[in-house]
Protein backbone atom coordinates (compact mmCIF):
# COMPACT_ATOMS: atom_id res chain seq x y z
CA UNK A 1 -0.02 0.03 0.00
CA UNK A 2 2.81 2.47 0.97
CA UNK A 3 4.58 1.67 -2.33
CA UNK A 4 1.50 2.40 -4.43
CA UNK A 5 0.98 5.72 -2.63
CA UNK A 6 4.62 6.61 -3.10
CA UNK A 7 4.44 5.71 -6.84
CA UNK A 8 1.17 7.61 -7.21
CA UNK A 9 2.77 10.64 -5.47
CA UNK A 10 5.78 10.64 -7.70
CA UNK A 11 3.73 10.20 -10.89
CA UNK A 12 1.40 13.00 -9.72
CA UNK A 13 4.31 15.28 -9.02
CA UNK A 14 5.90 14.53 -12.40
CA UNK A 15 2.57 15.17 -14.24
CA UNK A 16 1.97 18.40 -12.32
CA UNK A 17 5.53 19.50 -13.09
CA UNK A 18 5.02 18.65 -16.84
CA UNK A 19 1.80 20.67 -16.87
CA UNK A 20 3.49 23.53 -15.06
CA UNK A 21 6.40 23.47 -17.52
CA UNK A 22 3.97 23.58 -20.43
CA UNK A 23 2.06 26.43 -18.84
CA UNK A 24 5.29 28.28 -18.19
CA UNK A 25 6.47 27.84 -21.79
CA UNK A 26 3.09 29.01 -23.12
CA UNK A 27 3.17 31.98 -20.74
CA UNK A 28 6.75 32.78 -21.89
CA UNK A 29 5.72 32.66 -25.56
CA UNK A 30 2.81 34.98 -24.96
CA UNK A 31 4.90 37.33 -22.79
CA UNK A 32 7.62 37.41 -25.46
CA UNK A 33 5.05 38.38 -28.11
CA UNK A 34 3.64 41.10 -25.88
CA UNK A 35 6.98 42.54 -24.94
CA UNK A 36 8.35 42.30 -28.45
CA UNK A 37 5.30 44.14 -29.75
CA UNK A 38 5.71 46.84 -27.07
CA UNK A 39 9.43 47.20 -28.17
CA UNK A 40 8.50 47.42 -31.82
CA UNK A 41 5.90 50.09 -31.09
CA UNK A 42 8.30 52.08 -28.96
CA UNK A 43 11.01 51.86 -31.61
CA UNK A 44 8.57 53.06 -34.31
CA UNK A 45 7.67 55.90 -31.97
CA UNK A 46 11.37 56.79 -31.40
CA UNK A 47 12.09 56.52 -35.13
CA UNK A 48 9.21 58.91 -35.89
CA UNK A 49 10.48 61.24 -33.19
CA UNK A 50 13.96 61.21 -34.91
CA UNK A 51 12.50 61.90 -38.36
CA UNK A 52 10.58 64.82 -37.02
CA UNK A 53 13.34 66.34 -34.89
CA UNK A 54 15.77 68.75 -36.31
CA UNK A 55 18.55 69.97 -34.09
CA UNK A 56 18.69 73.59 -33.02
CA UNK A 57 20.78 76.24 -34.68
CA UNK A 58 23.07 76.20 -31.60
CA UNK A 59 23.76 72.51 -32.15
CA UNK A 60 24.35 73.08 -35.86
CA UNK A 61 26.86 75.83 -34.96
CA UNK A 62 28.70 73.33 -32.70
CA UNK A 63 28.74 70.78 -35.45
CA UNK A 64 30.04 73.28 -38.00
CA UNK A 65 33.16 73.65 -35.83
CA UNK A 66 33.85 69.92 -36.35
CA UNK A 67 35.31 68.58 -39.62
CA UNK A 68 32.77 67.19 -42.02
CA UNK A 69 34.57 63.87 -41.91
CA UNK A 70 32.93 63.39 -38.51
CA UNK A 71 29.48 63.36 -40.07
CA UNK A 72 29.32 59.60 -40.08
CA UNK A 73 29.70 59.64 -36.32
CA UNK A 74 26.22 61.22 -36.15
CA UNK A 75 24.86 57.79 -37.18
CA UNK A 76 26.43 56.24 -34.14
CA UNK A 77 25.12 58.98 -31.85
CA UNK A 78 21.59 58.70 -33.23
CA UNK A 79 21.74 54.90 -32.99
CA UNK A 80 22.60 55.28 -29.30
CA UNK A 81 19.82 57.84 -28.81
CA UNK A 82 17.26 55.40 -30.40
CA UNK A 83 18.49 52.61 -28.17
CA UNK A 84 18.17 54.77 -25.11
CA UNK A 85 14.70 55.95 -26.16
CA UNK A 86 13.42 52.32 -26.17
CA UNK A 87 15.71 50.94 -23.54
CA UNK A 88 13.08 49.61 -21.13
CA UNK A 89 11.07 47.84 -23.75
CA UNK A 90 14.25 46.54 -25.41
CA UNK A 91 15.58 45.11 -22.12
CA UNK A 92 12.29 43.46 -21.26
CA UNK A 93 11.82 41.87 -24.68
CA UNK A 94 15.47 40.67 -24.82
CA UNK A 95 15.35 39.33 -21.27
CA UNK A 96 12.14 37.41 -21.98
CA UNK A 97 13.64 35.95 -25.21
CA UNK A 98 16.76 34.71 -23.38
CA UNK A 99 14.64 33.38 -20.45
CA UNK A 100 12.36 31.50 -22.79
CA UNK A 101 15.27 29.99 -24.75
CA UNK A 102 17.03 28.98 -21.54
CA UNK A 103 13.99 27.23 -20.14
CA UNK A 104 14.90 23.61 -20.10
CA UNK A 105 11.45 22.37 -21.27
CA UNK A 106 11.34 24.76 -24.23
CA UNK A 107 11.84 22.98 -27.54
CA UNK A 108 10.57 25.28 -30.35
CA UNK A 109 9.07 24.07 -33.56
CA UNK A 110 10.80 24.99 -36.82
CA UNK A 111 8.43 27.92 -37.28
CA UNK A 112 8.99 29.13 -33.76
CA UNK A 113 12.73 28.88 -34.26
CA UNK A 114 12.48 31.05 -37.36
CA UNK A 115 10.35 33.60 -35.52
CA UNK A 116 12.85 33.65 -32.61
CA UNK A 117 15.73 34.23 -35.08
CA UNK A 118 13.80 37.06 -36.67
CA UNK A 119 13.11 38.60 -33.32
CA UNK A 120 16.67 38.26 -32.19
CA UNK A 121 18.01 39.83 -35.31
CA UNK A 122 15.71 42.83 -34.89
CA UNK A 123 16.35 43.12 -31.15
CA UNK A 124 20.06 42.90 -31.63
CA UNK A 125 20.34 45.10 -34.70
CA UNK A 126 23.86 45.73 -35.45
CA UNK A 127 25.69 48.87 -36.45
CA UNK A 128 28.09 48.53 -39.30
CA UNK A 129 31.51 47.60 -38.03
CA UNK A 130 32.99 50.05 -40.54
CA UNK A 131 31.03 52.93 -38.90
CA UNK A 132 31.95 51.67 -35.45
CA UNK A 133 35.63 51.42 -36.42
CA UNK A 134 35.61 54.92 -37.91
CA UNK A 135 34.03 56.31 -34.74
CA UNK A 136 36.53 54.38 -32.61
CA UNK A 137 39.40 55.82 -34.56
CA UNK A 138 38.31 59.43 -33.99
CA UNK A 139 40.37 61.47 -31.58
CA UNK A 140 39.15 61.41 -27.94
CA UNK A 141 38.80 65.21 -28.11
CA UNK A 142 36.48 65.08 -31.11
CA UNK A 143 34.40 62.25 -29.57
CA UNK A 144 34.13 64.22 -26.34
CA UNK A 145 32.98 67.27 -28.27
CA UNK A 146 30.33 65.36 -30.07
CA UNK A 147 29.21 63.45 -27.00
CA UNK A 148 28.90 66.67 -25.05
CA UNK A 149 26.14 68.01 -27.31
CA UNK A 150 22.97 67.35 -25.38
CA UNK A 151 20.67 67.30 -28.41
CA UNK A 152 22.61 64.43 -29.94
CA UNK A 153 21.66 62.22 -27.01
CA UNK A 154 17.97 62.22 -28.13
CA UNK A 155 16.67 60.90 -31.42
CA UNK A 156 17.24 63.39 -34.28
CA UNK A 157 17.08 63.52 -38.01
CA UNK A 158 20.60 62.50 -39.08
CA UNK A 159 20.14 63.34 -42.77
CA UNK A 160 18.82 66.85 -42.15
CA UNK A 161 21.50 67.49 -39.49
CA UNK A 162 24.29 66.43 -41.82
CA UNK A 163 22.95 68.58 -44.70
CA UNK A 164 22.48 71.56 -42.42
CA UNK A 165 25.72 71.35 -40.56
CA UNK A 166 27.93 70.82 -43.64
CA UNK A 167 25.90 71.94 -46.65
CA UNK A 168 28.90 72.29 -48.97
CA UNK A 169 30.37 68.90 -48.12
CA UNK A 170 27.57 66.50 -48.93
């Protein structure tokens, strides 16, 4: 009698754990979709904000004192500003993605694997290494000067900024 109770208890615990794992996986998938959607919406908002934001004349004057070769660095600064704009949503979506993928019971279907790869590539969008290298090679003084411009820490229209700061160069 004691053996059958023990076996029943172990089987019940295993079954409850299996259901719990399945429920957790389903919850994780739903949460990832919700958080990814929130991130996508926030990035769209930040991108629209950038498109509609021209920097001030004061910022343009500061940029004009910098060689036009530094124009490419504005892409790096805007990229950082966009990341900062959606940082909370980005962090939550990426954290949920990693948590789901690291859940032992998670074994995605081929379609889910493709969706996860797509999400990951959009969440972890990369900046061209050529642009990063060029920025890295800039003098510390020039980087400090650019990074000290407050308006460049918020999303801004890169194209308009470059055209307005160095109209004869591009």
